[in-house]
N, C-alpha and C. Protein backbone atom coordinates (compact mmCIF):
# COMPACT_ATOMS: atom_id res chain seq x y z
N UNK A 1 78.20 -20.22 123.12
CA UNK A 1 78.23 -18.97 123.86
C UNK A 1 79.47 -18.20 123.48
N UNK A 2 80.62 -18.89 123.29
CA UNK A 2 81.86 -18.22 122.90
C UNK A 2 81.73 -17.56 121.58
N UNK A 3 81.08 -18.18 120.66
CA UNK A 3 80.86 -17.64 119.28
C UNK A 3 80.06 -16.38 119.39
N UNK A 4 79.04 -16.40 120.18
CA UNK A 4 78.12 -15.21 120.30
C UNK A 4 78.86 -14.05 120.98
N UNK A 5 79.70 -14.33 121.99
CA UNK A 5 80.55 -13.28 122.56
C UNK A 5 81.59 -12.71 121.51
N UNK A 6 82.30 -13.57 120.79
CA UNK A 6 83.21 -12.98 119.87
C UNK A 6 82.43 -12.23 118.71
N UNK A 7 81.28 -12.66 118.28
CA UNK A 7 80.48 -11.96 117.33
C UNK A 7 80.05 -10.62 117.82
N UNK A 8 79.66 -10.56 119.10
CA UNK A 8 79.21 -9.22 119.77
C UNK A 8 80.39 -8.28 119.82
N UNK A 9 81.57 -8.86 120.15
CA UNK A 9 82.80 -7.97 120.24
C UNK A 9 83.20 -7.44 118.92
N UNK A 10 83.07 -8.36 117.85
CA UNK A 10 83.40 -7.86 116.49
C UNK A 10 82.37 -6.81 116.05
N UNK A 11 81.12 -7.04 116.38
CA UNK A 11 80.17 -6.06 116.02
C UNK A 11 80.32 -4.72 116.75
N UNK A 12 80.80 -4.73 117.95
CA UNK A 12 81.02 -3.50 118.73
C UNK A 12 82.20 -2.78 118.21
N UNK A 13 83.19 -3.43 117.63
CA UNK A 13 84.37 -2.88 117.15
C UNK A 13 84.30 -2.21 115.78
N UNK A 14 83.10 -2.45 115.17
CA UNK A 14 82.93 -1.85 113.81
C UNK A 14 82.45 -0.41 113.87
N UNK A 15 82.68 0.39 112.82
CA UNK A 15 82.14 1.74 112.75
C UNK A 15 80.61 1.75 112.74
N UNK A 16 80.06 2.88 113.17
CA UNK A 16 78.63 2.99 113.26
C UNK A 16 77.98 2.78 111.86
N UNK A 17 78.61 3.34 110.78
CA UNK A 17 78.12 3.21 109.39
C UNK A 17 78.17 1.69 109.06
N UNK A 18 79.08 0.91 109.35
CA UNK A 18 79.18 -0.52 109.02
C UNK A 18 78.14 -1.28 109.85
N UNK A 19 77.91 -0.86 111.11
CA UNK A 19 76.91 -1.52 111.91
C UNK A 19 75.56 -1.39 111.25
N UNK A 20 75.28 -0.12 110.73
CA UNK A 20 74.00 0.15 110.01
C UNK A 20 73.81 -0.74 108.78
N UNK A 21 74.87 -0.80 108.04
CA UNK A 21 74.89 -1.65 106.79
C UNK A 21 74.54 -3.17 107.14
N UNK A 22 75.35 -3.61 108.18
CA UNK A 22 75.13 -4.92 108.60
C UNK A 22 73.75 -5.27 109.14
N UNK A 23 73.25 -4.25 109.93
CA UNK A 23 71.87 -4.47 110.46
C UNK A 23 70.83 -4.55 109.31
N UNK A 24 70.96 -3.55 108.43
CA UNK A 24 69.99 -3.54 107.22
C UNK A 24 70.14 -4.79 106.42
N UNK A 25 71.38 -5.32 106.21
CA UNK A 25 71.59 -6.55 105.48
C UNK A 25 70.99 -7.75 106.16
N UNK A 26 71.11 -7.75 107.50
CA UNK A 26 70.59 -8.93 108.27
C UNK A 26 68.99 -8.78 108.19
N UNK A 27 68.39 -7.61 108.28
CA UNK A 27 66.96 -7.50 108.20
C UNK A 27 66.44 -7.95 106.77
N UNK A 28 67.16 -7.51 105.81
CA UNK A 28 66.80 -7.90 104.42
C UNK A 28 66.96 -9.42 104.20
N UNK A 29 67.98 -10.04 104.74
CA UNK A 29 68.20 -11.46 104.74
C UNK A 29 67.11 -12.23 105.39
N UNK A 30 66.70 -11.72 106.61
CA UNK A 30 65.60 -12.43 107.28
C UNK A 30 64.27 -12.29 106.65
N UNK A 31 64.02 -11.09 106.01
CA UNK A 31 62.79 -10.91 105.20
C UNK A 31 62.85 -11.82 103.97
N UNK A 32 63.89 -11.84 103.33
CA UNK A 32 64.05 -12.82 102.13
C UNK A 32 63.91 -14.22 102.49
N UNK A 33 64.40 -14.66 103.61
CA UNK A 33 64.28 -16.04 104.11
C UNK A 33 62.80 -16.38 104.49
N UNK A 34 62.16 -15.40 105.12
CA UNK A 34 60.77 -15.57 105.40
C UNK A 34 59.93 -15.74 104.13
N UNK A 35 60.20 -14.84 103.15
CA UNK A 35 59.50 -14.90 101.87
C UNK A 35 59.66 -16.14 101.18
N UNK A 36 60.97 -16.59 101.13
CA UNK A 36 61.25 -17.96 100.41
C UNK A 36 60.63 -19.09 101.14
N UNK A 37 60.46 -19.04 102.46
CA UNK A 37 59.75 -20.03 103.22
C UNK A 37 58.36 -20.07 102.90
N UNK A 38 57.67 -18.92 102.82
CA UNK A 38 56.24 -18.81 102.54
C UNK A 38 55.81 -18.92 101.11
N UNK A 39 56.77 -18.73 100.12
CA UNK A 39 56.40 -18.67 98.72
C UNK A 39 55.68 -19.95 98.28
N UNK A 40 56.21 -21.13 98.61
CA UNK A 40 55.48 -22.41 98.15
C UNK A 40 54.08 -22.44 98.76
N UNK A 41 53.90 -22.12 99.89
CA UNK A 41 52.54 -22.14 100.52
C UNK A 41 51.68 -21.09 99.84
N UNK A 42 52.16 -19.95 99.50
CA UNK A 42 51.29 -18.94 98.84
C UNK A 42 50.89 -19.41 97.40
N UNK A 43 51.85 -20.01 96.74
CA UNK A 43 51.59 -20.63 95.42
C UNK A 43 50.58 -21.74 95.51
N UNK A 44 50.69 -22.60 96.46
CA UNK A 44 49.77 -23.80 96.63
C UNK A 44 48.38 -23.16 96.98
N UNK A 45 48.30 -22.12 97.83
CA UNK A 45 47.10 -21.45 98.14
C UNK A 45 46.35 -20.88 96.83
N UNK A 46 47.14 -20.27 95.97
CA UNK A 46 46.62 -19.62 94.85
C UNK A 46 46.07 -20.75 93.84
N UNK A 47 46.79 -21.93 93.81
CA UNK A 47 46.32 -23.09 93.05
C UNK A 47 45.00 -23.61 93.54
N UNK A 48 45.01 -23.73 94.90
CA UNK A 48 43.73 -24.32 95.52
C UNK A 48 42.57 -23.41 95.35
N UNK A 49 42.73 -22.03 95.42
CA UNK A 49 41.75 -21.16 95.18
C UNK A 49 41.18 -21.20 93.80
N UNK A 50 42.12 -21.32 92.89
CA UNK A 50 41.63 -21.49 91.42
C UNK A 50 40.89 -22.77 91.22
N UNK A 51 41.37 -23.92 91.81
CA UNK A 51 40.65 -25.19 91.67
C UNK A 51 39.26 -25.11 92.41
N UNK A 52 39.24 -24.46 93.51
CA UNK A 52 37.98 -24.34 94.23
C UNK A 52 36.94 -23.57 93.36
N UNK A 53 37.42 -22.52 92.68
CA UNK A 53 36.60 -21.70 91.83
C UNK A 53 36.02 -22.55 90.73
N UNK A 54 36.97 -23.33 90.07
CA UNK A 54 36.57 -24.24 88.94
C UNK A 54 35.61 -25.23 89.37
N UNK A 55 35.91 -25.95 90.50
CA UNK A 55 34.92 -26.96 90.99
C UNK A 55 33.58 -26.39 91.52
N UNK A 56 33.60 -25.15 91.98
CA UNK A 56 32.35 -24.56 92.36
C UNK A 56 31.52 -24.21 91.15
N UNK A 57 32.16 -23.77 90.09
CA UNK A 57 31.47 -23.47 88.75
C UNK A 57 30.90 -24.92 88.25
N UNK A 58 31.71 -26.01 88.33
CA UNK A 58 31.20 -27.24 87.92
C UNK A 58 29.99 -27.75 88.78
N UNK A 59 30.07 -27.55 90.11
CA UNK A 59 28.96 -27.93 90.93
C UNK A 59 27.74 -27.15 90.56
N UNK A 60 27.80 -25.88 90.31
CA UNK A 60 26.75 -25.03 89.98
C UNK A 60 26.10 -25.53 88.74
N UNK A 61 26.87 -25.82 87.69
CA UNK A 61 26.39 -26.45 86.47
C UNK A 61 25.60 -27.79 86.68
N UNK A 62 26.26 -28.59 87.47
CA UNK A 62 25.62 -29.83 87.81
C UNK A 62 24.27 -29.76 88.53
N UNK A 63 24.22 -28.75 89.38
CA UNK A 63 22.98 -28.42 90.14
C UNK A 63 21.91 -28.04 89.08
N UNK A 64 22.32 -27.21 88.15
CA UNK A 64 21.34 -26.79 87.08
C UNK A 64 20.98 -27.86 86.20
N UNK A 65 21.85 -28.78 85.92
CA UNK A 65 21.55 -29.97 85.07
C UNK A 65 20.75 -31.08 85.72
N UNK A 66 20.77 -31.08 87.09
CA UNK A 66 20.07 -32.23 87.78
C UNK A 66 18.63 -32.23 87.46
N UNK A 67 18.09 -31.08 87.34
CA UNK A 67 16.67 -31.00 87.02
C UNK A 67 16.38 -31.55 85.65
N UNK A 68 17.30 -31.28 84.68
CA UNK A 68 17.12 -31.83 83.31
C UNK A 68 17.26 -33.34 83.37
N UNK A 69 18.29 -33.79 84.01
CA UNK A 69 18.59 -35.27 84.13
C UNK A 69 17.40 -35.98 84.93
N UNK A 70 16.84 -35.40 85.93
CA UNK A 70 15.73 -36.04 86.60
C UNK A 70 14.51 -36.21 85.73
N UNK A 71 14.36 -35.42 84.77
CA UNK A 71 13.21 -35.49 83.89
C UNK A 71 13.41 -36.53 82.74
N UNK A 72 14.64 -36.92 82.63
CA UNK A 72 14.89 -37.90 81.54
C UNK A 72 14.57 -39.32 81.94
N UNK A 73 13.91 -40.00 81.10
CA UNK A 73 13.63 -41.43 81.41
C UNK A 73 13.99 -42.26 80.22
N UNK A 74 14.44 -43.48 80.43
CA UNK A 74 14.75 -44.34 79.27
C UNK A 74 13.42 -45.14 79.14
N UNK A 75 13.30 -45.77 77.93
CA UNK A 75 12.16 -46.55 77.69
C UNK A 75 12.01 -47.85 78.52
N UNK A 76 13.16 -48.25 79.14
CA UNK A 76 13.15 -49.36 79.97
C UNK A 76 13.05 -49.10 81.46
N UNK A 77 12.76 -47.84 81.83
CA UNK A 77 12.68 -47.52 83.26
C UNK A 77 11.40 -48.25 83.80
N UNK A 78 11.58 -48.85 84.88
CA UNK A 78 10.44 -49.58 85.59
C UNK A 78 10.12 -50.85 84.99
N UNK A 79 10.75 -51.20 83.86
CA UNK A 79 10.44 -52.45 83.17
C UNK A 79 11.13 -53.64 83.95
N UNK A 80 10.33 -54.63 84.24
CA UNK A 80 10.98 -55.82 84.99
C UNK A 80 11.77 -56.59 84.00
N UNK A 81 12.91 -57.17 84.36
CA UNK A 81 13.84 -57.96 83.56
C UNK A 81 13.13 -59.35 83.52
N UNK A 82 12.96 -59.79 82.20
CA UNK A 82 12.44 -61.14 81.98
C UNK A 82 13.32 -62.22 82.46
N UNK A 83 12.73 -63.26 82.96
CA UNK A 83 13.48 -64.42 83.49
C UNK A 83 13.61 -65.49 82.32
N UNK A 84 14.37 -66.32 82.53
CA UNK A 84 14.64 -67.46 81.50
C UNK A 84 16.03 -67.45 80.95
N UNK A 85 16.30 -68.36 80.04
CA UNK A 85 17.59 -68.54 79.51
C UNK A 85 17.88 -67.31 78.59
N UNK A 86 19.14 -66.81 78.63
CA UNK A 86 19.47 -65.61 77.79
C UNK A 86 19.33 -65.90 76.28
N UNK A 87 19.69 -67.08 75.86
CA UNK A 87 19.54 -67.43 74.48
C UNK A 87 18.10 -67.27 73.99
N UNK A 88 17.18 -67.84 74.87
CA UNK A 88 15.78 -67.74 74.45
C UNK A 88 15.31 -66.23 74.43
N UNK A 89 15.80 -65.49 75.41
CA UNK A 89 15.39 -64.17 75.54
C UNK A 89 15.87 -63.38 74.30
N UNK A 90 17.15 -63.55 73.95
CA UNK A 90 17.78 -62.88 72.76
C UNK A 90 17.01 -63.31 71.49
N UNK A 91 16.64 -64.57 71.39
CA UNK A 91 15.95 -64.99 70.24
C UNK A 91 14.63 -64.32 70.13
N UNK A 92 13.85 -64.16 71.23
CA UNK A 92 12.57 -63.51 71.15
C UNK A 92 12.78 -61.97 70.79
N UNK A 93 13.81 -61.32 71.31
CA UNK A 93 14.08 -59.99 71.07
C UNK A 93 14.36 -59.79 69.56
N UNK A 94 15.24 -60.74 69.03
CA UNK A 94 15.54 -60.68 67.57
C UNK A 94 14.38 -60.78 66.77
N UNK A 95 13.48 -61.74 66.99
CA UNK A 95 12.21 -61.87 66.27
C UNK A 95 11.31 -60.73 66.34
N UNK A 96 11.26 -60.21 67.61
CA UNK A 96 10.33 -59.06 67.86
C UNK A 96 10.79 -57.84 66.92
N UNK A 97 12.03 -57.73 66.74
CA UNK A 97 12.64 -56.61 65.96
C UNK A 97 12.58 -56.89 64.45
N UNK A 98 12.13 -58.01 64.12
CA UNK A 98 12.09 -58.43 62.66
C UNK A 98 13.47 -58.60 62.12
N UNK A 99 14.32 -59.20 62.91
CA UNK A 99 15.74 -59.54 62.40
C UNK A 99 15.88 -61.00 62.26
N UNK A 100 16.92 -61.37 61.64
CA UNK A 100 17.19 -62.78 61.49
C UNK A 100 18.43 -63.11 62.26
N UNK A 101 18.33 -64.17 63.14
CA UNK A 101 19.50 -64.54 63.93
C UNK A 101 20.32 -65.48 63.09
N UNK A 102 21.53 -65.07 62.85
CA UNK A 102 22.47 -65.84 62.05
C UNK A 102 23.27 -66.85 62.80
N UNK A 103 23.61 -66.57 64.03
CA UNK A 103 24.37 -67.46 64.78
C UNK A 103 24.37 -67.05 66.27
N UNK A 104 24.62 -67.93 67.14
CA UNK A 104 24.67 -67.64 68.62
C UNK A 104 25.68 -68.49 69.30
N UNK A 105 26.66 -67.96 70.02
CA UNK A 105 27.68 -68.59 70.82
C UNK A 105 27.48 -68.28 72.23
N UNK A 106 27.23 -69.28 73.05
CA UNK A 106 27.02 -68.98 74.41
C UNK A 106 28.17 -69.66 75.23
N UNK A 107 28.80 -68.84 75.94
CA UNK A 107 29.76 -69.31 77.00
C UNK A 107 29.34 -68.73 78.26
N UNK A 108 30.06 -68.74 79.35
CA UNK A 108 29.72 -68.26 80.63
C UNK A 108 29.41 -66.76 80.41
N UNK A 109 30.29 -66.07 79.76
CA UNK A 109 30.22 -64.69 79.52
C UNK A 109 31.29 -64.31 78.61
N UNK A 110 31.21 -63.62 77.53
CA UNK A 110 30.00 -62.92 77.00
C UNK A 110 29.19 -63.81 76.08
N UNK A 111 28.03 -63.38 75.79
CA UNK A 111 27.22 -64.03 74.71
C UNK A 111 27.48 -63.31 73.46
N UNK A 112 27.79 -64.17 72.39
CA UNK A 112 28.09 -63.61 71.04
C UNK A 112 26.99 -64.08 70.12
N UNK A 113 26.43 -63.14 69.28
CA UNK A 113 25.45 -63.60 68.32
C UNK A 113 25.56 -62.63 67.15
N UNK A 114 25.00 -63.12 66.01
CA UNK A 114 24.98 -62.40 64.75
C UNK A 114 23.62 -62.28 64.22
N UNK A 115 23.25 -61.07 63.74
CA UNK A 115 21.84 -60.84 63.24
C UNK A 115 21.97 -60.07 61.91
N UNK A 116 20.96 -60.21 61.18
CA UNK A 116 20.86 -59.37 59.93
C UNK A 116 19.50 -58.85 59.89
N UNK A 117 19.43 -57.65 59.15
CA UNK A 117 18.13 -57.02 58.95
C UNK A 117 18.28 -55.94 57.95
N UNK A 118 17.10 -55.37 57.65
CA UNK A 118 17.12 -54.36 56.48
C UNK A 118 17.54 -53.00 56.98
N UNK A 119 17.69 -52.74 58.20
CA UNK A 119 18.08 -51.37 58.72
C UNK A 119 18.96 -51.47 59.88
N UNK A 120 20.02 -50.61 59.89
CA UNK A 120 20.82 -50.57 61.12
C UNK A 120 20.06 -50.10 62.37
N UNK A 121 19.04 -49.27 62.09
CA UNK A 121 18.22 -48.78 63.24
C UNK A 121 17.53 -49.98 64.01
N UNK A 122 17.08 -50.94 63.21
CA UNK A 122 16.54 -52.11 63.86
C UNK A 122 17.49 -52.88 64.75
N UNK A 123 18.71 -52.84 64.29
CA UNK A 123 19.84 -53.48 65.07
C UNK A 123 20.05 -52.70 66.36
N UNK A 124 20.10 -51.46 66.22
CA UNK A 124 20.32 -50.59 67.48
C UNK A 124 19.12 -50.65 68.34
N UNK A 125 17.96 -50.81 67.85
CA UNK A 125 16.77 -50.98 68.69
C UNK A 125 16.90 -52.29 69.48
N UNK A 126 17.40 -53.24 68.87
CA UNK A 126 17.63 -54.62 69.39
C UNK A 126 18.64 -54.43 70.58
N UNK A 127 19.74 -53.64 70.40
CA UNK A 127 20.74 -53.50 71.36
C UNK A 127 20.11 -52.73 72.59
N UNK A 128 19.20 -51.82 72.38
CA UNK A 128 18.51 -51.12 73.42
C UNK A 128 17.65 -52.08 74.25
N UNK A 129 16.97 -52.98 73.56
CA UNK A 129 16.13 -53.86 74.30
C UNK A 129 16.90 -54.98 75.03
N UNK A 130 18.06 -55.34 74.41
CA UNK A 130 18.88 -56.27 75.19
C UNK A 130 19.45 -55.64 76.46
N UNK A 131 19.82 -54.36 76.42
CA UNK A 131 20.40 -53.75 77.54
C UNK A 131 19.28 -53.53 78.60
N UNK A 132 18.07 -53.39 78.22
CA UNK A 132 16.97 -53.28 79.12
C UNK A 132 16.74 -54.60 79.88
N UNK A 133 17.26 -55.68 79.35
CA UNK A 133 16.99 -56.97 79.93
C UNK A 133 18.23 -57.43 80.82
N UNK A 134 19.04 -56.43 81.24
CA UNK A 134 20.11 -56.85 82.25
C UNK A 134 21.38 -57.26 81.61
N UNK A 135 21.62 -56.87 80.30
CA UNK A 135 22.96 -57.23 79.68
C UNK A 135 23.53 -55.99 79.33
N UNK A 136 24.86 -55.91 79.17
CA UNK A 136 25.64 -54.82 78.76
C UNK A 136 26.36 -55.15 77.47
N UNK A 137 26.37 -54.18 76.64
CA UNK A 137 27.01 -54.33 75.25
C UNK A 137 28.55 -54.42 75.46
N UNK A 138 29.16 -55.29 74.89
CA UNK A 138 30.63 -55.41 75.03
C UNK A 138 31.23 -54.95 73.59
N UNK A 139 30.68 -55.42 72.50
CA UNK A 139 31.11 -55.05 71.15
C UNK A 139 30.05 -55.11 70.23
N UNK A 140 30.02 -54.20 69.23
CA UNK A 140 29.08 -54.25 68.11
C UNK A 140 29.83 -53.86 66.89
N UNK A 141 29.48 -54.65 65.81
CA UNK A 141 30.06 -54.45 64.53
C UNK A 141 28.99 -54.59 63.54
N UNK A 142 28.56 -53.49 62.89
CA UNK A 142 27.47 -53.43 61.85
C UNK A 142 28.06 -53.11 60.47
N UNK A 143 27.78 -54.03 59.58
CA UNK A 143 28.33 -53.83 58.25
C UNK A 143 27.23 -54.10 57.23
N UNK A 144 27.29 -53.45 56.00
CA UNK A 144 26.30 -53.76 55.01
C UNK A 144 26.69 -55.19 54.46
N UNK A 145 25.61 -55.90 54.03
CA UNK A 145 25.85 -57.28 53.48
C UNK A 145 26.24 -57.10 51.96
N UNK A 146 27.33 -57.72 51.54
CA UNK A 146 27.78 -57.50 50.18
C UNK A 146 26.73 -58.25 49.27
N UNK A 147 26.51 -57.67 48.18
CA UNK A 147 25.58 -58.16 47.15
C UNK A 147 24.12 -57.87 47.33
N UNK A 148 23.72 -57.24 48.52
CA UNK A 148 22.40 -56.93 48.69
C UNK A 148 22.25 -55.34 48.96
N UNK A 149 21.24 -54.71 48.40
CA UNK A 149 21.23 -53.28 48.44
C UNK A 149 20.79 -52.83 49.90
N UNK A 150 19.77 -53.41 50.39
CA UNK A 150 19.37 -52.95 51.73
C UNK A 150 19.36 -54.11 52.70
N UNK A 151 20.59 -54.37 53.19
CA UNK A 151 20.69 -55.43 54.19
C UNK A 151 21.97 -55.15 55.06
N UNK A 152 21.86 -55.45 56.31
CA UNK A 152 22.94 -55.10 57.24
C UNK A 152 23.15 -56.32 58.12
N UNK A 153 24.38 -56.65 58.46
CA UNK A 153 24.65 -57.77 59.37
C UNK A 153 25.43 -57.14 60.60
N UNK A 154 25.14 -57.71 61.78
CA UNK A 154 25.85 -57.19 62.94
C UNK A 154 26.34 -58.38 63.79
N UNK A 155 27.60 -58.24 64.25
CA UNK A 155 28.08 -59.16 65.21
C UNK A 155 28.05 -58.45 66.60
N UNK A 156 27.43 -59.07 67.57
CA UNK A 156 27.18 -58.48 68.88
C UNK A 156 27.65 -59.40 70.01
N UNK A 157 28.31 -58.74 71.00
CA UNK A 157 28.76 -59.40 72.12
C UNK A 157 28.16 -58.67 73.35
N UNK A 158 27.46 -59.43 74.26
CA UNK A 158 26.88 -58.78 75.41
C UNK A 158 27.34 -59.61 76.61
N UNK A 159 27.32 -59.07 77.81
CA UNK A 159 27.66 -59.78 79.05
C UNK A 159 26.42 -59.53 79.97
N UNK A 160 26.25 -60.50 80.83
CA UNK A 160 25.19 -60.48 81.75
C UNK A 160 25.56 -59.65 82.94
N UNK A 161 24.77 -58.66 83.25
CA UNK A 161 25.09 -57.70 84.34
C UNK A 161 24.55 -58.16 85.68
N UNK A 162 23.34 -58.68 85.65
CA UNK A 162 22.73 -59.09 86.96
C UNK A 162 23.27 -60.29 87.58
């Protein structure tokens, strides 16, 4: 209270022109303080508006694409997963694709096997069929067989998903 009284006395003792300058300075200082206090909020608001606009555009694109995606079907849609041992299942799929099973290592997970065939497309078709049977591809390495013109070998690792 004493400080306020001494400040009031000091202000009353100043010239009218000094009081005007002090009053204008105080108003400018208060406006600057309010602006500085609100500046981070205004910047965050501008960032959020930009992000909202970007996400809205993404959502609109996704809505447009949802019709396209809903029409897509994989060749294994609705296909029941075959039961039985995975080694037997993989062996059947390898034979069905006219490939040669070079080796098979079975642990709890993943299953590792090697195949060879005349076309890398046959190997990729095998991978597609294996994934339709409830397994996921972990690694695939396809290389041409040395010494033969049209032969490819693949080392494949899959894990059981179901």
